[in-house]
Amino acid sequence: RELCDEYNLLLICDEIATGFGRSGGNSLFACQEASITPDILCIGKALTGGYMTLGAVLATSRVAEGVSSSTSDGVALPLMHGPTFMGNPLACAV
């Protein structure tokens, strides 16, 4: 985290396989166990308890504002970057 801040780099934590308590620690995410706050957090697999395929990317407001597009009246739109399991309507409904 300190190096990323020093060199103005984004810190990305991939918690797809380890998130939601799968790291063996007392926290939901390994980055929490390490007391690290990432700029971008990738989550999946356990997001739906393994019943459906669904992934998500969480970001700080600084990152989100930098990558989001907006409508003509300035309303921010979500970043639709097209990961493999994005927008699975059945998984989102469950």
Foldseek 3Di string as FASTA:
>chain_A
DVVCVVVVHFFEAECAPPAQPNVVDPDRGVCVVVVHDGQKYKYWCCPQDNPDGAIDIDGDVVVQVVQFDADPVRHTDGDCPDDPHPPPVVSVVD
